[in-house]
Amino acid sequence: MVHHRINAIPTRIRMARGQDLPRICRSGCLVPESANHVSMGCVRTHPNRIKRHDCVRDITAKWLEQDGYRVLKEPSFTILTPGTNRANGRWRPDILAIKGKDGFIFDGQVGMTWISKMMTKWKSTS
């Protein structure tokens, strides 16, 4: 994490500064290998991005449960075409939280800048 924040990951773009070296991603993505690409878009790091996303979802679900919400993780909904009753796909938000007559849907995205603070807080509360 520290390496990313100071842009010190040894990516091809960073290592090729001032030199005539290849800059395309080593995983075969056919895009320049930048810190942003490696952390947020590369097929090689996809499993870790999914784990990070699921961890944040689980932390959020735990906080909601502690606050008295009934939490459903990744419920599946059928999407109907307006004016007809034909199915037009499925939607799986991250969290459906219900408390009394109120319900909330959370479908989050995880960026790189705040994850370390959340992980630190999670480790101190678990």
Protein backbone atom coordinates (compact mmCIF):
# COMPACT_ATOMS: atom_id res chain seq x y z
CA MET A 1 0.00 0.00 0.00
CA VAL A 2 2.76 2.46 0.84
CA HIS A 3 4.43 1.71 -2.49
CA HIS A 4 1.25 2.61 -4.37
CA ARG A 5 0.65 5.83 -2.46
CA ILE A 6 4.06 7.22 -3.42
CA ASN A 7 3.80 5.72 -6.92
CA ALA A 8 6.80 3.47 -6.30
CA ILE A 9 5.43 0.16 -7.60
CA PRO A 10 8.02 -1.07 -10.12
CA THR A 11 5.64 -0.96 -13.09
CA ARG A 12 6.88 -0.94 -16.64
CA ILE A 13 5.93 2.72 -17.09
CA ARG A 14 7.88 3.74 -13.98
CA MET A 15 10.91 1.55 -14.75
CA ALA A 16 11.09 2.72 -18.38
CA ARG A 17 11.34 6.43 -17.57
CA GLY A 18 13.82 8.00 -19.94
CA GLN A 19 14.53 4.68 -21.67
CA ASP A 20 13.23 2.94 -24.76
CA LEU A 21 11.77 -0.11 -22.98
CA PRO A 22 8.40 -1.92 -23.35
CA ARG A 23 5.56 -0.33 -21.38
CA ILE A 24 2.73 -2.77 -22.15
CA CYS A 25 1.41 -4.86 -19.23
CA ARG A 26 3.28 -8.12 -18.63
CA SER A 27 -0.04 -9.96 -18.13
CA GLY A 28 -1.01 -9.44 -21.75
CA CYS A 29 -3.65 -6.78 -21.12
CA LEU A 30 -2.41 -4.72 -24.12
CA VAL A 31 -2.47 -1.49 -22.11
CA PRO A 32 0.38 0.46 -20.46
CA GLU A 33 1.39 -1.09 -17.13
CA SER A 34 0.77 1.82 -14.75
CA ALA A 35 0.20 1.72 -10.98
CA ASN A 36 -3.49 2.44 -11.58
CA HIS A 37 -3.79 -0.39 -14.10
CA VAL A 38 -2.04 -2.90 -11.83
CA SER A 39 -4.13 -2.01 -8.76
CA MET A 40 -7.52 -1.53 -10.41
CA GLY A 41 -7.70 -3.15 -13.84
CA CYS A 42 -5.18 -5.90 -14.51
CA VAL A 43 -6.37 -9.51 -14.88
CA ARG A 44 -3.43 -10.63 -12.75
CA THR A 45 -4.65 -8.68 -9.71
CA HIS A 46 -8.39 -9.35 -10.23
CA PRO A 47 -8.69 -12.05 -7.50
CA ASN A 48 -7.16 -9.68 -4.92
CA ARG A 49 -9.54 -6.89 -5.93
CA ILE A 50 -12.48 -9.26 -5.39
CA LYS A 51 -11.14 -10.26 -1.96
CA ARG A 52 -10.71 -6.59 -1.01
CA HIS A 53 -14.26 -5.79 -2.16
CA ASP A 54 -15.72 -8.76 -0.25
CA CYS A 55 -13.80 -7.78 2.89
CA VAL A 56 -15.26 -4.26 2.80
CA ARG A 57 -18.73 -5.72 2.19
CA ASP A 58 -18.33 -8.01 5.22
CA ILE A 59 -17.11 -5.15 7.44
CA THR A 60 -20.08 -3.01 6.40
CA ALA A 61 -22.49 -5.90 7.00
CA LYS A 62 -21.05 -6.48 10.48
CA TRP A 63 -21.47 -2.80 11.38
CA LEU A 64 -25.07 -2.83 10.13
CA GLU A 65 -25.86 -6.00 12.09
CA GLN A 66 -24.39 -4.43 15.24
CA ASP A 67 -26.72 -1.47 14.63
CA GLY A 68 -29.76 -3.79 14.58
CA TYR A 69 -30.25 -4.31 10.85
CA ARG A 70 -31.14 -7.65 9.30
CA VAL A 71 -28.53 -8.07 6.57
CA LEU A 72 -28.68 -10.11 3.38
CA LYS A 73 -25.40 -10.38 1.46
CA GLU A 74 -25.62 -10.44 -2.33
CA PRO A 75 -29.35 -11.18 -2.66
CA SER A 76 -30.49 -11.84 -6.22
CA PHE A 77 -33.34 -9.88 -7.82
CA THR A 78 -35.04 -10.42 -11.16
CA ILE A 79 -35.26 -7.23 -13.20
CA LEU A 80 -38.54 -6.86 -15.10
CA THR A 81 -38.99 -4.86 -18.28
CA PRO A 82 -41.34 -1.90 -17.55
CA GLY A 83 -44.86 -2.45 -18.92
CA THR A 84 -44.35 -6.20 -19.22
CA ASN A 85 -43.74 -9.00 -16.79
CA ARG A 86 -40.79 -10.38 -18.76
CA ALA A 87 -37.50 -10.96 -16.98
CA ASN A 88 -34.70 -8.75 -18.28
CA GLY A 89 -31.78 -10.01 -16.22
CA ARG A 90 -30.70 -10.30 -12.60
CA TRP A 91 -29.21 -7.85 -10.13
CA ARG A 92 -27.06 -8.80 -7.13
CA PRO A 93 -26.31 -5.80 -4.91
CA ASP A 94 -23.74 -6.26 -2.16
CA ILE A 95 -26.04 -5.77 0.81
CA LEU A 96 -29.75 -5.48 1.53
CA ALA A 97 -30.20 -4.09 5.07
CA ILE A 98 -33.64 -4.11 6.72
CA LYS A 99 -34.65 -2.49 10.01
CA GLY A 100 -38.33 -2.18 10.82
CA LYS A 101 -40.14 -0.82 7.77
CA ASP A 102 -36.96 0.64 6.25
CA GLY A 103 -34.72 -1.11 3.79
CA PHE A 104 -31.45 -0.01 2.21
CA ILE A 105 -29.49 -1.38 -0.71
CA PHE A 106 -25.70 -1.05 -0.75
CA ASP A 107 -23.77 -1.76 -3.92
CA GLY A 108 -20.34 -0.40 -3.19
CA GLN A 109 -17.11 0.18 -5.03
CA VAL A 110 -13.72 0.05 -3.37
CA GLY A 111 -10.98 2.52 -4.23
CA MET A 112 -7.40 2.41 -3.04
CA THR A 113 -7.13 5.52 -0.87
CA TRP A 114 -9.28 4.62 2.14
CA ILE A 115 -8.98 0.83 2.35
CA SER A 116 -5.98 0.82 4.73
CA LYS A 117 -7.81 3.03 7.25
CA MET A 118 -10.86 0.75 7.13
CA MET A 119 -8.74 -2.39 7.53
CA THR A 120 -6.97 -0.86 10.53
CA LYS A 121 -10.32 -0.04 12.15
CA TRP A 122 -11.66 -3.52 11.32
CA LYS A 123 -8.67 -5.25 12.94
CA SER A 124 -9.05 -3.16 16.10
CA THR A 125 -12.79 -3.94 16.46
CA SER A 126 -12.75 -7.68 15.68
